[in-house]
Every structure is written in C-alpha cells, then in structure tokens.
C-alpha cells in the first residue's frame, strides 16, 4: 500500500471536512397550507463551517435564498407569498411567515447549531 497517497487523501478529506452541509427536498405538497412560498418546491440546506452557520432554501431555478446566516444570498422575501389581510387581523405583515422553513432547515443542522440567533 502506498502510504504517501493515503496521507494526501487524508489531508484532502480533513480540509473538505471542515465544512458540513446537510440538505433535503421540501415542497408545498409536504407542508400543505403552511407552505409560505410562491414556488412549489426546493431544497433546504444547513451549512456549517468553523466560523458560521447558514440555513437557506434553494429554489427550483437554482438560486439560494437566505433563511439565516448569509446576507449575500438572495432574500427569501423575493419568493414569499403575500399575506391575505383580514379586516379582523391585527398583523401588519405584508408577507406570510417563512418560520416553518427556518424551523425545518434548522433540523438539518447538528444539535448544537439548532438555536435561532438573536
């Protein structure tokens, strides 16, 4: 066995292993009336690196939309459904809450990273 090759492979795996990324598909069919987006499906991702945690949604067109952690991604508000205003509603929000996607996305993160930062 060539130990030099094994050493090189180990170093590469350690370098790549510094970032963890967990993902899963999610859809309107799965979440039903709680689905907050104008697109029908996509992928939720939790990305952990030594310095940060990101939770984001990848829409069918391949664009990543920020749920938490990276302001450089597209805003999730671009694809959130507008809220239906009821006369008896005290809500001032123009958009449906996307909290369910954040909650589902955080479940993809390791346990120590599941808290929502303040």
Protein backbone atom coordinates (compact mmCIF):
# COMPACT_ATOMS: atom_id res chain seq x y z
CA UNK A 1 0.00 0.00 0.00
CA UNK A 2 1.23 3.48 -0.83
CA UNK A 3 1.20 5.40 2.47
CA UNK A 4 2.06 8.67 0.76
CA UNK A 5 -1.19 8.51 -1.27
CA UNK A 6 -3.14 7.69 1.88
CA UNK A 7 -1.60 10.71 3.61
CA UNK A 8 -2.54 13.02 0.74
CA UNK A 9 -6.10 11.67 0.69
CA UNK A 10 -6.37 12.14 4.47
CA UNK A 11 -5.22 15.78 4.24
CA UNK A 12 -7.72 16.50 1.45
CA UNK A 13 -10.55 14.87 3.40
CA UNK A 14 -9.67 16.90 6.50
CA UNK A 15 -9.69 20.14 4.51
CA UNK A 16 -13.02 19.37 2.86
CA UNK A 17 -14.45 18.02 6.11
CA UNK A 18 -14.15 21.42 7.79
CA UNK A 19 -17.48 22.32 6.23
CA UNK A 20 -20.61 20.26 6.79
CA UNK A 21 -23.63 20.58 4.55
CA UNK A 22 -26.92 18.79 5.09
CA UNK A 23 -29.80 19.16 2.65
CA UNK A 24 -33.23 17.77 1.92
CA UNK A 25 -36.02 18.44 -0.57
CA UNK A 26 -39.12 20.22 0.71
CA UNK A 27 -42.38 21.01 -1.06
CA UNK A 28 -45.81 22.56 -0.86
CA UNK A 29 -47.25 19.06 -1.04
CA UNK A 30 -45.36 18.11 2.14
CA UNK A 31 -46.22 21.23 4.19
CA UNK A 32 -49.71 21.89 2.83
CA UNK A 33 -51.34 25.19 3.82
CA UNK A 34 -48.29 26.12 5.89
CA UNK A 35 -46.21 26.43 2.68
CA UNK A 36 -45.05 30.07 2.63
CA UNK A 37 -43.54 30.40 -0.85
CA UNK A 38 -44.69 31.21 -4.37
CA UNK A 39 -42.59 28.33 -5.77
CA UNK A 40 -43.88 24.77 -5.29
CA UNK A 41 -40.71 23.08 -4.05
CA UNK A 42 -36.99 23.38 -3.43
CA UNK A 43 -34.18 22.23 -1.19
CA UNK A 44 -33.46 23.24 2.40
CA UNK A 45 -29.79 23.38 3.34
CA UNK A 46 -27.89 23.76 6.60
CA UNK A 47 -24.24 24.62 6.00
CA UNK A 48 -21.83 24.64 8.93
CA UNK A 49 -18.25 25.87 8.73
CA UNK A 50 -15.83 26.61 11.57
CA UNK A 51 -16.89 30.26 11.62
CA UNK A 52 -20.58 30.28 10.74
CA UNK A 53 -23.88 28.54 10.14
CA UNK A 54 -26.18 29.18 7.20
CA UNK A 55 -29.69 27.89 6.63
CA UNK A 56 -31.02 28.58 3.17
CA UNK A 57 -33.57 27.46 0.58
CA UNK A 58 -32.58 26.63 -3.00
CA UNK A 59 -35.44 27.42 -5.37
CA UNK A 60 -36.14 25.35 -8.50
CA UNK A 61 -34.18 27.87 -10.60
CA UNK A 62 -31.07 27.07 -8.50
CA UNK A 63 -30.94 30.37 -6.60
CA UNK A 64 -30.08 30.16 -2.88
CA UNK A 65 -32.37 32.24 -0.64
CA UNK A 66 -31.20 33.19 2.85
CA UNK A 67 -33.19 32.00 5.86
CA UNK A 68 -30.42 32.67 8.37
CA UNK A 69 -26.71 33.40 8.33
CA UNK A 70 -25.67 34.83 4.96
CA UNK A 71 -26.91 38.21 3.83
CA UNK A 72 -25.12 37.80 0.49
CA UNK A 73 -27.67 35.22 -0.72
CA UNK A 74 -30.97 36.23 -2.31
CA UNK A 75 -33.62 37.38 0.15
CA UNK A 76 -36.29 34.77 0.90
CA UNK A 77 -38.81 37.64 0.75
CA UNK A 78 -38.46 37.58 -3.04
CA UNK A 79 -40.42 34.31 -3.14
CA UNK A 80 -42.62 34.52 -0.01
CA UNK A 81 -46.36 34.65 -0.66
CA UNK A 82 -48.08 37.95 0.12
CA UNK A 83 -50.27 37.77 3.21
CA UNK A 84 -54.03 37.87 2.83
CA UNK A 85 -55.28 40.69 5.01
CA UNK A 86 -58.40 40.12 7.03
CA UNK A 87 -60.31 43.06 8.44
CA UNK A 88 -60.06 41.50 11.92
CA UNK A 89 -56.33 40.79 11.59
CA UNK A 90 -54.02 42.84 13.76
CA UNK A 91 -50.98 41.67 11.79
CA UNK A 92 -49.09 44.38 9.97
CA UNK A 93 -47.03 41.88 7.95
CA UNK A 94 -47.12 42.07 4.17
CA UNK A 95 -45.80 38.52 3.87
CA UNK A 96 -46.69 35.04 5.06
CA UNK A 97 -44.26 33.93 7.77
CA UNK A 98 -41.40 31.77 6.48
CA UNK A 99 -40.63 30.47 10.01
CA UNK A 100 -41.66 26.93 9.12
CA UNK A 101 -38.86 26.73 6.56
CA UNK A 102 -36.34 28.03 9.08
CA UNK A 103 -37.56 25.51 11.66
CA UNK A 104 -37.31 22.65 9.14
CA UNK A 105 -33.90 23.86 7.95
CA UNK A 106 -32.51 24.06 11.48
CA UNK A 107 -33.45 20.40 11.95
CA UNK A 108 -30.82 19.60 9.31
CA UNK A 109 -28.11 21.21 11.45
CA UNK A 110 -26.25 19.34 14.17
CA UNK A 111 -27.97 19.77 17.54
CA UNK A 112 -25.59 22.43 18.90
CA UNK A 113 -26.42 24.67 15.90
CA UNK A 114 -30.23 24.46 16.04
CA UNK A 115 -30.80 27.65 18.05
CA UNK A 116 -32.03 30.75 16.25
CA UNK A 117 -29.51 33.56 16.89
CA UNK A 118 -30.77 36.77 18.48
